[in-house]
Amino acid sequence: MAGVMKLACLFLACMIVAGPITANAALSCGAVSSNLAPCIGYVMQGGAIPPACCNGVRNLNSMARTTPDRQQACNCIQSVARNLGSGVNAGRAAGIPKSCGVNIPYKISTSTNCKTVR
């Protein structure tokens, strides 16, 4: 229970800190984080991908229509992943879009150069 509480606090802190990263994007890190929050347990612990995670990925994909929005989403995802630390399974995170039937224009990875996302 304490681990879940720490994870929730870290998640909220990421939303607050990463919110104003990109002024040109209409998509906020708060929106990215709230849509992807149901995916955190899967990325950290495995199991089945929750339907709410896939719904969030679909919703986020439909919200990120412009290049600045997609770059912002990429930056926010990376920020949250870095802040979650070594418990993040990069392979599970990268596979979520495909498993949810969503095509995104970049690889979910902390090594993705978000400036090149179009």
PDB file of N, CA and C in Angstrom:
ATOM      1  N   MET A   1       0.824  -1.199   0.000  1.00  0.00           N
ATOM      2  CA  MET A   1       0.000   0.000   0.000  1.00  0.00           C
ATOM      3  C   MET A   1       0.861   1.252   0.000  1.00  0.00           C
ATOM      4  N   ALA A   2       1.959   1.244   0.757  1.00  0.00           N
ATOM      5  CA  ALA A   2       2.843   2.405   0.815  1.00  0.00           C
ATOM      6  C   ALA A   2       3.486   2.659  -0.552  1.00  0.00           C
ATOM      7  N   GLY A   3       3.794   1.574  -1.278  1.00  0.00           N
ATOM      8  CA  GLY A   3       4.379   1.718  -2.605  1.00  0.00           C
ATOM      9  C   GLY A   3       3.423   2.379  -3.580  1.00  0.00           C
ATOM     10  N   VAL A   4       2.150   2.017  -3.499  1.00  0.00           N
ATOM     11  CA  VAL A   4       1.140   2.613  -4.370  1.00  0.00           C
ATOM     12  C   VAL A   4       0.987   4.101  -4.048  1.00  0.00           C
ATOM     13  N   MET A   5       1.029   4.432  -2.753  1.00  0.00           N
ATOM     14  CA  MET A   5       0.902   5.832  -2.350  1.00  0.00           C
ATOM     15  C   MET A   5       2.093   6.643  -2.858  1.00  0.00           C
ATOM     16  N   LYS A   6       3.299   6.087  -2.762  1.00  0.00           N
ATOM     17  CA  LYS A   6       4.487   6.772  -3.274  1.00  0.00           C
ATOM     18  C   LYS A   6       4.378   6.978  -4.779  1.00  0.00           C
ATOM     19  N   LEU A   7       3.898   5.950  -5.485  1.00  0.00           N
ATOM     20  CA  LEU A   7       3.739   6.035  -6.932  1.00  0.00           C
ATOM     21  C   LEU A   7       2.723   7.110  -7.293  1.00  0.00           C
ATOM     22  N   ALA A   8       1.626   7.187  -6.564  1.00  0.00           N
ATOM     23  CA  ALA A   8       0.609   8.207  -6.830  1.00  0.00           C
ATOM     24  C   ALA A   8       1.166   9.608  -6.574  1.00  0.00           C
ATOM     25  N   CYS A   9       1.929   9.766  -5.495  1.00  0.00           N
ATOM     26  CA  CYS A   9       2.528  11.077  -5.200  1.00  0.00           C
ATOM     27  C   CYS A   9       3.535  11.476  -6.275  1.00  0.00           C
ATOM     28  N   LEU A  10       4.340  10.521  -6.716  1.00  0.00           N
ATOM     29  CA  LEU A  10       5.311  10.795  -7.773  1.00  0.00           C
ATOM     30  C   LEU A  10       4.603  11.180  -9.059  1.00  0.00           C
ATOM     31  N   PHE A  11       3.527  10.479  -9.367  1.00  0.00           N
ATOM     32  CA  PHE A  11       2.747  10.773 -10.561  1.00  0.00           C
ATOM     33  C   PHE A  11       2.193  12.197 -10.516  1.00  0.00           C
ATOM     34  N   LEU A  12       1.620  12.577  -9.392  1.00  0.00           N
ATOM     35  CA  LEU A  12       1.075  13.932  -9.244  1.00  0.00           C
ATOM     36  C   LEU A  12       2.174  14.984  -9.329  1.00  0.00           C
ATOM     37  N   ALA A  13       3.313  14.702  -8.730  1.00  0.00           N
ATOM     38  CA  ALA A  13       4.425  15.648  -8.801  1.00  0.00           C
ATOM     39  C   ALA A  13       4.889  15.840 -10.244  1.00  0.00           C
ATOM     40  N   CYS A  14       4.916  14.755 -11.015  1.00  0.00           N
ATOM     41  CA  CYS A  14       5.309  14.842 -12.429  1.00  0.00           C
ATOM     42  C   CYS A  14       4.334  15.718 -13.200  1.00  0.00           C
ATOM     43  N   MET A  15       3.047  15.570 -12.899  1.00  0.00           N
ATOM     44  CA  MET A  15       2.042  16.371 -13.600  1.00  0.00           C
ATOM     45  C   MET A  15       2.242  17.854 -13.303  1.00  0.00           C
ATOM     46  N   ILE A  16       2.553  18.180 -12.061  1.00  0.00           N
ATOM     47  CA  ILE A  16       2.724  19.582 -11.676  1.00  0.00           C
ATOM     48  C   ILE A  16       3.989  20.168 -12.276  1.00  0.00           C
ATOM     49  N   VAL A  17       5.097  19.429 -12.182  1.00  0.00           N
ATOM     50  CA  VAL A  17       6.380  19.926 -12.662  1.00  0.00           C
ATOM     51  C   VAL A  17       6.444  19.985 -14.179  1.00  0.00           C
ATOM     52  N   ALA A  18       5.917  18.973 -14.855  1.00  0.00           N
ATOM     53  CA  ALA A  18       6.058  18.877 -16.305  1.00  0.00           C
ATOM     54  C   ALA A  18       4.964  19.619 -17.060  1.00  0.00           C
ATOM     55  N   GLY A  19       3.978  20.123 -16.394  1.00  0.00           N
ATOM     56  CA  GLY A  19       2.866  20.798 -17.054  1.00  0.00           C
ATOM     57  C   GLY A  19       3.247  21.914 -17.996  1.00  0.00           C
ATOM     58  N   PRO A  20       4.111  22.849 -17.579  1.00  0.00           N
ATOM     59  CA  PRO A  20       4.407  23.992 -18.444  1.00  0.00           C
ATOM     60  C   PRO A  20       5.584  23.806 -19.392  1.00  0.00           C
ATOM     61  N   ILE A  21       5.981  22.567 -19.703  1.00  0.00           N
ATOM     62  CA  ILE A  21       7.171  22.336 -20.516  1.00  0.00           C
ATOM     63  C   ILE A  21       7.107  23.017 -21.880  1.00  0.00           C
ATOM     64  N   THR A  22       6.022  22.887 -22.591  1.00  0.00           N
ATOM     65  CA  THR A  22       5.939  23.420 -23.944  1.00  0.00           C
ATOM     66  C   THR A  22       4.753  24.366 -24.063  1.00  0.00           C
ATOM     67  N   ALA A  23       5.056  25.631 -24.333  1.00  0.00           N
ATOM     68  CA  ALA A  23       4.000  26.633 -24.409  1.00  0.00           C
ATOM     69  C   ALA A  23       3.213  26.560 -25.725  1.00  0.00           C
ATOM     70  N   ASN A  24       3.818  26.039 -26.802  1.00  0.00           N
ATOM     71  CA  ASN A  24       3.162  26.014 -28.105  1.00  0.00           C
ATOM     72  C   ASN A  24       2.159  24.885 -28.247  1.00  0.00           C
ATOM     73  N   ALA A  25       2.257  23.912 -27.407  1.00  0.00           N
ATOM     74  CA  ALA A  25       1.365  22.765 -27.516  1.00  0.00           C
ATOM     75  C   ALA A  25       0.098  23.006 -26.709  1.00  0.00           C
ATOM     76  N   ALA A  26      -1.015  22.614 -27.290  1.00  0.00           N
ATOM     77  CA  ALA A  26      -2.291  22.735 -26.591  1.00  0.00           C
ATOM     78  C   ALA A  26      -2.466  21.580 -25.612  1.00  0.00           C
ATOM     79  N   LEU A  27      -1.719  20.531 -25.788  1.00  0.00           N
ATOM     80  CA  LEU A  27      -1.809  19.339 -24.960  1.00  0.00           C
ATOM     81  C   LEU A  27      -0.916  19.507 -23.732  1.00  0.00           C
ATOM     82  N   SER A  28      -1.478  19.352 -22.559  1.00  0.00           N
ATOM     83  CA  SER A  28      -0.694  19.526 -21.330  1.00  0.00           C
ATOM     84  C   SER A  28      -0.171  18.188 -20.825  1.00  0.00           C
ATOM     85  N   CYS A  29       0.878  18.243 -20.018  1.00  0.00           N
ATOM     86  CA  CYS A  29       1.387  17.017 -19.403  1.00  0.00           C
ATOM     87  C   CYS A  29       0.358  16.436 -18.442  1.00  0.00           C
ATOM     88  N   GLY A  30      -0.456  17.290 -17.866  1.00  0.00           N
ATOM     89  CA  GLY A  30      -1.519  16.787 -17.002  1.00  0.00           C
ATOM     90  C   GLY A  30      -2.481  15.908 -17.771  1.00  0.00           C
ATOM     91  N   ALA A  31      -2.836  16.327 -18.984  1.00  0.00           N
ATOM     92  CA  ALA A  31      -3.742  15.530 -19.825  1.00  0.00           C
ATOM     93  C   ALA A  31      -3.072  14.220 -20.230  1.00  0.00           C
ATOM     94  N   VAL A  32      -1.795  14.295 -20.591  1.00  0.00           N
ATOM     95  CA  VAL A  32      -1.061  13.080 -20.968  1.00  0.00           C
ATOM     96  C   VAL A  32      -1.029  12.122 -19.782  1.00  0.00           C
ATOM     97  N   SER A  33      -0.652  12.644 -18.630  1.00  0.00           N
ATOM     98  CA  SER A  33      -0.522  11.811 -17.430  1.00  0.00           C
ATOM     99  C   SER A  33      -1.852  11.200 -17.010  1.00  0.00           C
ATOM    100  N   SER A  34      -2.904  11.986 -17.044  1.00  0.00           N
ATOM    101  CA  SER A  34      -4.191  11.437 -16.604  1.00  0.00           C
ATOM    102  C   SER A  34      -4.705  10.365 -17.567  1.00  0.00           C
ATOM    103  N   ASN A  35      -4.427  10.521 -18.851  1.00  0.00           N
ATOM    104  CA  ASN A  35      -4.851   9.501 -19.818  1.00  0.00           C
ATOM    105  C   ASN A  35      -4.040   8.217 -19.682  1.00  0.00           C
ATOM    106  N   LEU A  36      -2.776   8.346 -19.296  1.00  0.00           N
ATOM    107  CA  LEU A  36      -1.912   7.173 -19.224  1.00  0.00           C
ATOM    108  C   LEU A  36      -1.792   6.586 -17.818  1.00  0.00           C
ATOM    109  N   ALA A  37      -2.378   7.235 -16.829  1.00  0.00           N
ATOM    110  CA  ALA A  37      -2.294   6.745 -15.446  1.00  0.00           C
ATOM    111  C   ALA A  37      -2.738   5.279 -15.304  1.00  0.00           C
ATOM    112  N   PRO A  38      -3.799   4.853 -16.001  1.00  0.00           N
ATOM    113  CA  PRO A  38      -4.206   3.451 -15.859  1.00  0.00           C
ATOM    114  C   PRO A  38      -3.177   2.453 -16.398  1.00  0.00           C
ATOM    115  N   CYS A  39      -2.162   2.932 -17.110  1.00  0.00           N
ATOM    116  CA  CYS A  39      -1.135   2.053 -17.686  1.00  0.00           C
ATOM    117  C   CYS A  39       0.036   1.806 -16.729  1.00  0.00           C
ATOM    118  N   ILE A  40       0.152   2.609 -15.681  1.00  0.00           N
ATOM    119  CA  ILE A  40       1.342   2.548 -14.828  1.00  0.00           C
ATOM    120  C   ILE A  40       1.507   1.185 -14.168  1.00  0.00           C
ATOM    121  N   GLY A  41       0.436   0.631 -13.641  1.00  0.00           N
ATOM    122  CA  GLY A  41       0.539  -0.684 -13.000  1.00  0.00           C
ATOM    123  C   GLY A  41       1.031  -1.748 -13.967  1.00  0.00           C
ATOM    124  N   TYR A  42       0.530  -1.724 -15.192  1.00  0.00           N
ATOM    125  CA  TYR A  42       0.958  -2.687 -16.208  1.00  0.00           C
ATOM    126  C   TYR A  42       2.435  -2.509 -16.534  1.00  0.00           C
ATOM    127  N   VAL A  43       2.866  -1.262 -16.724  1.00  0.00           N
ATOM    128  CA  VAL A  43       4.256  -0.988 -17.092  1.00  0.00           C
ATOM    129  C   VAL A  43       5.206  -1.393 -15.964  1.00  0.00           C
ATOM    130  N   MET A  44       4.774  -1.218 -14.738  1.00  0.00           N
ATOM    131  CA  MET A  44       5.630  -1.517 -13.595  1.00  0.00           C
ATOM    132  C   MET A  44       5.589  -2.994 -13.187  1.00  0.00           C
ATOM    133  N   GLN A  45       4.402  -3.624 -13.284  1.00  0.00           N
ATOM    134  CA  GLN A  45       4.247  -4.956 -12.716  1.00  0.00           C
ATOM    135  C   GLN A  45       3.826  -6.028 -13.715  1.00  0.00           C
ATOM    136  N   GLY A  46       3.387  -5.633 -14.899  1.00  0.00           N
ATOM    137  CA  GLY A  46       2.974  -6.622 -15.891  1.00  0.00           C
ATOM    138  C   GLY A  46       1.526  -7.029 -15.731  1.00  0.00           C
ATOM    139  N   GLY A  47       1.199  -8.197 -16.230  1.00  0.00           N
ATOM    140  CA  GLY A  47      -0.177  -8.677 -16.209  1.00  0.00           C
ATOM    141  C   GLY A  47      -0.885  -8.291 -17.487  1.00  0.00           C
ATOM    142  N   ALA A  48      -2.185  -8.179 -17.401  1.00  0.00           N
ATOM    143  CA  ALA A  48      -2.991  -7.788 -18.554  1.00  0.00           C
ATOM    144  C   ALA A  48      -3.070  -6.267 -18.639  1.00  0.00           C
ATOM    145  N   ILE A  49      -3.098  -5.758 -19.855  1.00  0.00           N
ATOM    146  CA  ILE A  49      -3.258  -4.313 -20.035  1.00  0.00           C
ATOM    147  C   ILE A  49      -4.702  -3.961 -19.679  1.00  0.00           C
ATOM    148  N   PRO A  50      -4.892  -3.049 -18.740  1.00  0.00           N
ATOM    149  CA  PRO A  50      -6.259  -2.676 -18.368  1.00  0.00           C
ATOM    150  C   PRO A  50      -6.984  -1.981 -19.525  1.00  0.00           C
ATOM    151  N   PRO A  51      -8.266  -2.263 -19.708  1.00  0.00           N
ATOM    152  CA  PRO A  51      -9.025  -1.565 -20.754  1.00  0.00           C
ATOM    153  C   PRO A  51      -8.947  -0.044 -20.610  1.00  0.00           C
ATOM    154  N   ALA A  52      -8.883   0.461 -19.383  1.00  0.00           N
ATOM    155  CA  ALA A  52      -8.782   1.914 -19.175  1.00  0.00           C
ATOM    156  C   ALA A  52      -7.464   2.454 -19.731  1.00  0.00           C
ATOM    157  N   CYS A  53      -6.416   1.642 -19.731  1.00  0.00           N
ATOM    158  CA  CYS A  53      -5.133   2.052 -20.315  1.00  0.00           C
ATOM    159  C   CYS A  53      -5.300   2.236 -21.819  1.00  0.00           C
ATOM    160  N   CYS A  54      -5.891   1.259 -22.484  1.00  0.00           N
ATOM    161  CA  CYS A  54      -6.105   1.357 -23.938  1.00  0.00           C
ATOM    162  C   CYS A  54      -7.017   2.528 -24.279  1.00  0.00           C
ATOM    163  N   ASN A  55      -8.044   2.736 -23.471  1.00  0.00           N
ATOM    164  CA  ASN A  55      -8.924   3.889 -23.702  1.00  0.00           C
ATOM    165  C   ASN A  55      -8.148   5.191 -23.589  1.00  0.00           C
ATOM    166  N   GLY A  56      -7.263   5.275 -22.600  1.00  0.00           N
ATOM    167  CA  GLY A  56      -6.440   6.469 -22.421  1.00  0.00           C
ATOM    168  C   GLY A  56      -5.488   6.687 -23.588  1.00  0.00           C
ATOM    169  N   VAL A  57      -4.883   5.604 -24.078  1.00  0.00           N
ATOM    170  CA  VAL A  57      -3.970   5.697 -25.219  1.00  0.00           C
ATOM    171  C   VAL A  57      -4.727   6.170 -26.464  1.00  0.00           C
ATOM    172  N   ARG A  58      -5.911   5.622 -26.689  1.00  0.00           N
ATOM    173  CA  ARG A  58      -6.729   6.046 -27.835  1.00  0.00           C
ATOM    174  C   ARG A  58      -7.122   7.520 -27.711  1.00  0.00           C
ATOM    175  N   ASN A  59      -7.547   7.897 -26.520  1.00  0.00           N
ATOM    176  CA  ASN A  59      -7.951   9.275 -26.280  1.00  0.00           C
ATOM    177  C   ASN A  59      -6.775  10.229 -26.492  1.00  0.00           C
ATOM    178  N   LEU A  60      -5.634   9.881 -25.943  1.00  0.00           N
ATOM    179  CA  LEU A  60      -4.442  10.715 -26.095  1.00  0.00           C
ATOM    180  C   LEU A  60      -4.041  10.828 -27.558  1.00  0.00           C
ATOM    181  N   ASN A  61      -4.103   9.728 -28.289  1.00  0.00           N
ATOM    182  CA  ASN A  61      -3.760   9.753 -29.708  1.00  0.00           C
ATOM    183  C   ASN A  61      -4.697  10.679 -30.489  1.00  0.00           C
ATOM    184  N   SER A  62      -5.966  10.673 -30.135  1.00  0.00           N
ATOM    185  CA  SER A  62      -6.905  11.557 -30.838  1.00  0.00           C
ATOM    186  C   SER A  62      -6.719  13.022 -30.432  1.00  0.00           C
ATOM    187  N   MET A  63      -6.201  13.265 -29.240  1.00  0.00           N
ATOM    188  CA  MET A  63      -5.950  14.641 -28.782  1.00  0.00           C
ATOM    189  C   MET A  63      -4.690  15.231 -29.408  1.00  0.00           C
ATOM    190  N   ALA A  64      -3.705  14.385 -29.700  1.00  0.00           N
ATOM    191  CA  ALA A  64      -2.394  14.846 -30.192  1.00  0.00           C
ATOM    192  C   ALA A  64      -2.396  14.883 -31.717  1.00  0.00           C
ATOM    193  N   ARG A  65      -3.062  15.864 -32.290  1.00  0.00           N
ATOM    194  CA  ARG A  65      -3.209  15.955 -33.745  1.00  0.00           C
ATOM    195  C   ARG A  65      -2.113  16.772 -34.418  1.00  0.00           C
ATOM    196  N   THR A  66      -1.488  17.702 -33.701  1.00  0.00           N
ATOM    197  CA  THR A  66      -0.468  18.558 -34.313  1.00  0.00           C
ATOM    198  C   THR A  66       0.925  18.072 -33.926  1.00  0.00           C
ATOM    199  N   THR A  67       1.923  18.494 -34.679  1.00  0.00           N
ATOM    200  CA  THR A  67       3.304  18.139 -34.342  1.00  0.00           C
ATOM    201  C   THR A  67       3.679  18.621 -32.945  1.00  0.00           C
ATOM    202  N   PRO A  68       3.391  19.884 -32.560  1.00  0.00           N
ATOM    203  CA  PRO A  68       3.727  20.295 -31.187  1.00  0.00           C
ATOM    204  C   PRO A  68       3.029  19.443 -30.123  1.00  0.00           C
ATOM    205  N   ASP A  69       1.795  19.038 -30.377  1.00  0.00           N
ATOM    206  CA  ASP A  69       1.092  18.190 -29.411  1.00  0.00           C
ATOM    207  C   ASP A  69       1.756  16.812 -29.301  1.00  0.00           C
ATOM    208  N   ARG A  70       2.130  16.228 -30.424  1.00  0.00           N
ATOM    209  CA  ARG A  70       2.784  14.917 -30.391  1.00  0.00           C
ATOM    210  C   ARG A  70       4.150  15.014 -29.711  1.00  0.00           C
ATOM    211  N   GLN A  71       4.885  16.101 -29.973  1.00  0.00           N
ATOM    212  CA  GLN A  71       6.176  16.288 -29.310  1.00  0.00           C
ATOM    213  C   GLN A  71       5.985  16.477 -27.809  1.00  0.00           C
ATOM    214  N   GLN A  72       4.959  17.216 -27.442  1.00  0.00           N
ATOM    215  CA  GLN A  72       4.657  17.420 -26.024  1.00  0.00           C
ATOM    216  C   GLN A  72       4.297  16.094 -25.357  1.00  0.00           C
ATOM    217  N   ALA A  73       3.464  15.306 -26.004  1.00  0.00           N
ATOM    218  CA  ALA A  73       3.095  13.998 -25.449  1.00  0.00           C
ATOM    219  C   ALA A  73       4.338  13.137 -25.257  1.00  0.00           C
ATOM    220  N   CYS A  74       5.209  13.120 -26.235  1.00  0.00           N
ATOM    221  CA  CYS A  74       6.456  12.366 -26.161  1.00  0.00           C
ATOM    222  C   CYS A  74       7.291  12.828 -24.970  1.00  0.00           C
ATOM    223  N   ASN A  75       7.469  14.140 -24.830  1.00  0.00           N
ATOM    224  CA  ASN A  75       8.253  14.684 -23.714  1.00  0.00           C
ATOM    225  C   ASN A  75       7.632  14.331 -22.368  1.00  0.00           C
ATOM    226  N   CYS A  76       6.326  14.427 -22.276  1.00  0.00           N
ATOM    227  CA  CYS A  76       5.639  14.128 -21.022  1.00  0.00           C
ATOM    228  C   CYS A  76       5.765  12.654 -20.657  1.00  0.00           C
ATOM    229  N   ILE A  77       5.601  11.786 -21.639  1.00  0.00           N
ATOM    230  CA  ILE A  77       5.735  10.349 -21.399  1.00  0.00           C
ATOM    231  C   ILE A  77       7.139  10.037 -20.899  1.00  0.00           C
ATOM    232  N   GLN A  78       8.142  10.632 -21.526  1.00  0.00           N
ATOM    233  CA  GLN A  78       9.520  10.399 -21.102  1.00  0.00           C
ATOM    234  C   GLN A  78       9.764  10.911 -19.694  1.00  0.00           C
ATOM    235  N   SER A  79       9.224  12.064 -19.381  1.00  0.00           N
ATOM    236  CA  SER A  79       9.397  12.637 -18.046  1.00  0.00           C
ATOM    237  C   SER A  79       8.802  11.731 -16.978  1.00  0.00           C
ATOM    238  N   VAL A  80       7.603  11.249 -17.210  1.00  0.00           N
ATOM    239  CA  VAL A  80       6.953  10.361 -16.248  1.00  0.00           C
ATOM    240  C   VAL A  80       7.749   9.064 -16.121  1.00  0.00           C
ATOM    241  N   ALA A  81       8.193   8.507 -17.246  1.00  0.00           N
ATOM    242  CA  ALA A  81       8.959   7.255 -17.217  1.00  0.00           C
ATOM    243  C   ALA A  81      10.249   7.422 -16.422  1.00  0.00           C
ATOM    244  N   ARG A  82      10.955   8.531 -16.631  1.00  0.00           N
ATOM    245  CA  ARG A  82      12.197   8.778 -15.888  1.00  0.00           C
ATOM    246  C   ARG A  82      11.918   8.905 -14.395  1.00  0.00           C
ATOM    247  N   ASN A  83      10.842   9.584 -14.057  1.00  0.00           N
ATOM    248  CA  ASN A  83      10.523   9.790 -12.650  1.00  0.00           C
ATOM    249  C   ASN A  83      10.027   8.523 -11.957  1.00  0.00           C
ATOM    250  N   LEU A  84       9.482   7.594 -12.717  1.00  0.00           N
ATOM    251  CA  LEU A  84       9.053   6.333 -12.130  1.00  0.00           C
ATOM    252  C   LEU A  84      10.247   5.450 -11.811  1.00  0.00           C
ATOM    253  N   GLY A  85      11.362   5.686 -12.493  1.00  0.00           N
ATOM    254  CA  GLY A  85      12.606   5.003 -12.159  1.00  0.00           C
ATOM    255  C   GLY A  85      12.800   3.661 -12.818  1.00  0.00           C
ATOM    256  N   SER A  86      13.631   2.854 -12.161  1.00  0.00           N
ATOM    257  CA  SER A  86      14.082   1.594 -12.753  1.00  0.00           C
ATOM    258  C   SER A  86      13.001   0.516 -12.783  1.00  0.00           C
ATOM    259  N   GLY A  87      11.882   0.731 -12.126  1.00  0.00           N
ATOM    260  CA  GLY A  87      10.808  -0.261 -12.140  1.00  0.00           C
ATOM    261  C   GLY A  87      10.028  -0.300 -13.437  1.00  0.00           C
ATOM    262  N   VAL A  88      10.269   0.682 -14.309  1.00  0.00           N
ATOM    263  CA  VAL A  88       9.561   0.741 -15.589  1.00  0.00           C
ATOM    264  C   VAL A  88      10.115  -0.328 -16.523  1.00  0.00           C
ATOM    265  N   ASN A  89       9.240  -1.139 -17.078  1.00  0.00           N
ATOM    266  CA  ASN A  89       9.640  -2.133 -18.062  1.00  0.00           C
ATOM    267  C   ASN A  89       9.484  -1.494 -19.438  1.00  0.00           C
ATOM    268  N   ALA A  90      10.611  -1.157 -20.062  1.00  0.00           N
ATOM    269  CA  ALA A  90      10.605  -0.434 -21.336  1.00  0.00           C
ATOM    270  C   ALA A  90       9.898  -1.217 -22.434  1.00  0.00           C
ATOM    271  N   GLY A  91      10.051  -2.517 -22.453  1.00  0.00           N
ATOM    272  CA  GLY A  91       9.407  -3.339 -23.474  1.00  0.00           C
ATOM    273  C   GLY A  91       7.889  -3.306 -23.356  1.00  0.00           C
ATOM    274  N   ARG A  92       7.388  -3.414 -22.126  1.00  0.00           N
ATOM    275  CA  ARG A  92       5.935  -3.337 -21.933  1.00  0.00           C
ATOM    276  C   ARG A  92       5.421  -1.965 -22.338  1.00  0.00           C
ATOM    277  N   ALA A  93       6.131  -0.903 -21.938  1.00  0.00           N
ATOM    278  CA  ALA A  93       5.700   0.455 -22.276  1.00  0.00           C
ATOM    279  C   ALA A  93       5.662   0.644 -23.787  1.00  0.00           C
ATOM    280  N   ALA A  94       6.707   0.196 -24.475  1.00  0.00           N
ATOM    281  CA  ALA A  94       6.787   0.364 -25.929  1.00  0.00           C
ATOM    282  C   ALA A  94       5.693  -0.422 -26.657  1.00  0.00           C
ATOM    283  N   GLY A  95       5.263  -1.527 -26.075  1.00  0.00           N
ATOM    284  CA  GLY A  95       4.277  -2.379 -26.735  1.00  0.00           C
ATOM    285  C   GLY A  95       2.824  -1.988 -26.513  1.00  0.00           C
ATOM    286  N   ILE A  96       2.572  -1.038 -25.612  1.00  0.00           N
ATOM    287  CA  ILE A  96       1.188  -0.677 -25.303  1.00  0.00           C
ATOM    288  C   ILE A  96       0.410  -0.196 -26.528  1.00  0.00           C
ATOM    289  N   PRO A  97       0.927   0.750 -27.317  1.00  0.00           N
ATOM    290  CA  PRO A  97       0.116   1.200 -28.466  1.00  0.00           C
ATOM    291  C   PRO A  97      -0.307   0.057 -29.382  1.00  0.00           C
ATOM    292  N   LYS A  98       0.633  -0.813 -29.736  1.00  0.00           N
ATOM    293  CA  LYS A  98       0.309  -1.924 -30.636  1.00  0.00           C
ATOM    294  C   LYS A  98      -0.706  -2.859 -29.991  1.00  0.00           C
ATOM    295  N   SER A  99      -0.505  -3.179 -28.713  1.00  0.00           N
ATOM    296  CA  SER A  99      -1.435  -4.070 -28.013  1.00  0.00           C
ATOM    297  C   SER A  99      -2.836  -3.477 -27.932  1.00  0.00           C
ATOM    298  N   CYS A 100      -2.897  -2.151 -27.900  1.00  0.00           N
ATOM    299  CA  CYS A 100      -4.196  -1.465 -27.830  1.00  0.00           C
ATOM    300  C   CYS A 100      -4.754  -1.143 -29.215  1.00  0.00           C
ATOM    301  N   GLY A 101      -4.026  -1.495 -30.278  1.00  0.00           N
ATOM    302  CA  GLY A 101      -4.493  -1.243 -31.639  1.00  0.00           C
ATOM    303  C   GLY A 101      -4.408   0.215 -32.049  1.00  0.00           C
ATOM    304  N   VAL A 102      -3.424   0.921 -31.480  1.00  0.00           N
ATOM    305  CA  VAL A 102      -3.254   2.343 -31.771  1.00  0.00           C
ATOM    306  C   VAL A 102      -1.908   2.544 -32.463  1.00  0.00           C
ATOM    307  N   ASN A 103      -1.926   3.253 -33.579  1.00  0.00           N
ATOM    308  CA  ASN A 103      -0.702   3.541 -34.318  1.00  0.00           C
ATOM    309  C   ASN A 103      -0.230   4.948 -33.961  1.00  0.00           C
ATOM    310  N   ILE A 104       0.940   5.046 -33.325  1.00  0.00           N
ATOM    311  CA  ILE A 104       1.501   6.366 -33.020  1.00  0.00           C
ATOM    312  C   ILE A 104       2.776   6.542 -33.826  1.00  0.00           C
ATOM    313  N   PRO A 105       3.137   7.803 -34.143  1.00  0.00           N
ATOM    314  CA  PRO A 105       4.249   8.050 -35.061  1.00  0.00           C
ATOM    315  C   PRO A 105       5.646   8.012 -34.437  1.00  0.00           C
ATOM    316  N   TYR A 106       5.795   7.430 -33.267  1.00  0.00           N
ATOM    317  CA  TYR A 106       7.114   7.332 -32.649  1.00  0.00           C
ATOM    318  C   TYR A 106       7.127   6.172 -31.666  1.00  0.00           C
ATOM    319  N   LYS A 107       8.330   5.732 -31.324  1.00  0.00           N
ATOM    320  CA  LYS A 107       8.501   4.631 -30.381  1.00  0.00           C
ATOM    321  C   LYS A 107       8.420   5.179 -28.957  1.00  0.00           C
ATOM    322  N   ILE A 108       7.691   4.495 -28.090  1.00  0.00           N
ATOM    323  CA  ILE A 108       7.623   4.864 -26.684  1.00  0.00           C
ATOM    324  C   ILE A 108       8.925   4.394 -26.043  1.00  0.00           C
ATOM    325  N   SER A 109       9.821   5.340 -25.781  1.00  0.00           N
ATOM    326  CA  SER A 109      11.113   5.016 -25.212  1.00  0.00           C
ATOM    327  C   SER A 109      11.737   6.281 -24.637  1.00  0.00           C
ATOM    328  N   THR A 110      12.507   6.126 -23.579  1.00  0.00           N
ATOM    329  CA  THR A 110      13.215   7.283 -23.028  1.00  0.00           C
ATOM    330  C   THR A 110      14.338   7.739 -23.957  1.00  0.00           C
ATOM    331  N   SER A 111      14.695   6.915 -24.951  1.00  0.00           N
ATOM    332  CA  SER A 111      15.747   7.308 -25.894  1.00  0.00           C
ATOM    333  C   SER A 111      15.197   7.978 -27.153  1.00  0.00           C
ATOM    334  N   THR A 112      13.878   8.051 -27.306  1.00  0.00           N
ATOM    335  CA  THR A 112      13.288   8.712 -28.467  1.00  0.00           C
ATOM    336  C   THR A 112      13.602  10.203 -28.434  1.00  0.00           C
ATOM    337  N   ASN A 113      14.055  10.748 -29.553  1.00  0.00           N
ATOM    338  CA  ASN A 113      14.285  12.192 -29.651  1.00  0.00           C
ATOM    339  C   ASN A 113      12.947  12.854 -29.997  1.00  0.00           C
ATOM    340  N   CYS A 114      12.311  13.418 -29.002  1.00  0.00           N
ATOM    341  CA  CYS A 114      10.966  13.981 -29.196  1.00  0.00           C
ATOM    342  C   CYS A 114      10.950  15.147 -30.170  1.00  0.00           C
ATOM    343  N   LYS A 115      12.083  15.797 -30.376  1.00  0.00           N
ATOM    344  CA  LYS A 115      12.142  16.921 -31.325  1.00  0.00           C
ATOM    345  C   LYS A 115      11.955  16.457 -32.762  1.00  0.00           C
ATOM    346  N   THR A 116      12.198  15.168 -33.022  1.00  0.00           N
ATOM    347  CA  THR A 116      12.058  14.645 -34.377  1.00  0.00           C
ATOM    348  C   THR A 116      10.667  14.066 -34.635  1.00  0.00           C
ATOM    349  N   VAL A 117       9.830  14.005 -33.604  1.00  0.00           N
ATOM    350  CA  VAL A 117       8.476  13.474 -33.763  1.00  0.00           C
ATOM    351  C   VAL A 117       7.664  14.427 -34.610  1.00  0.00           C
ATOM    352  N   ARG A 118       6.973  13.913 -35.604  1.00  0.00           N
ATOM    353  CA  ARG A 118       6.140  14.743 -36.497  1.00  0.00           C
ATOM    354  C   ARG A 118       4.747  14.312 -36.430  1.00  0.00           C
TER     355      ARG A 118
END
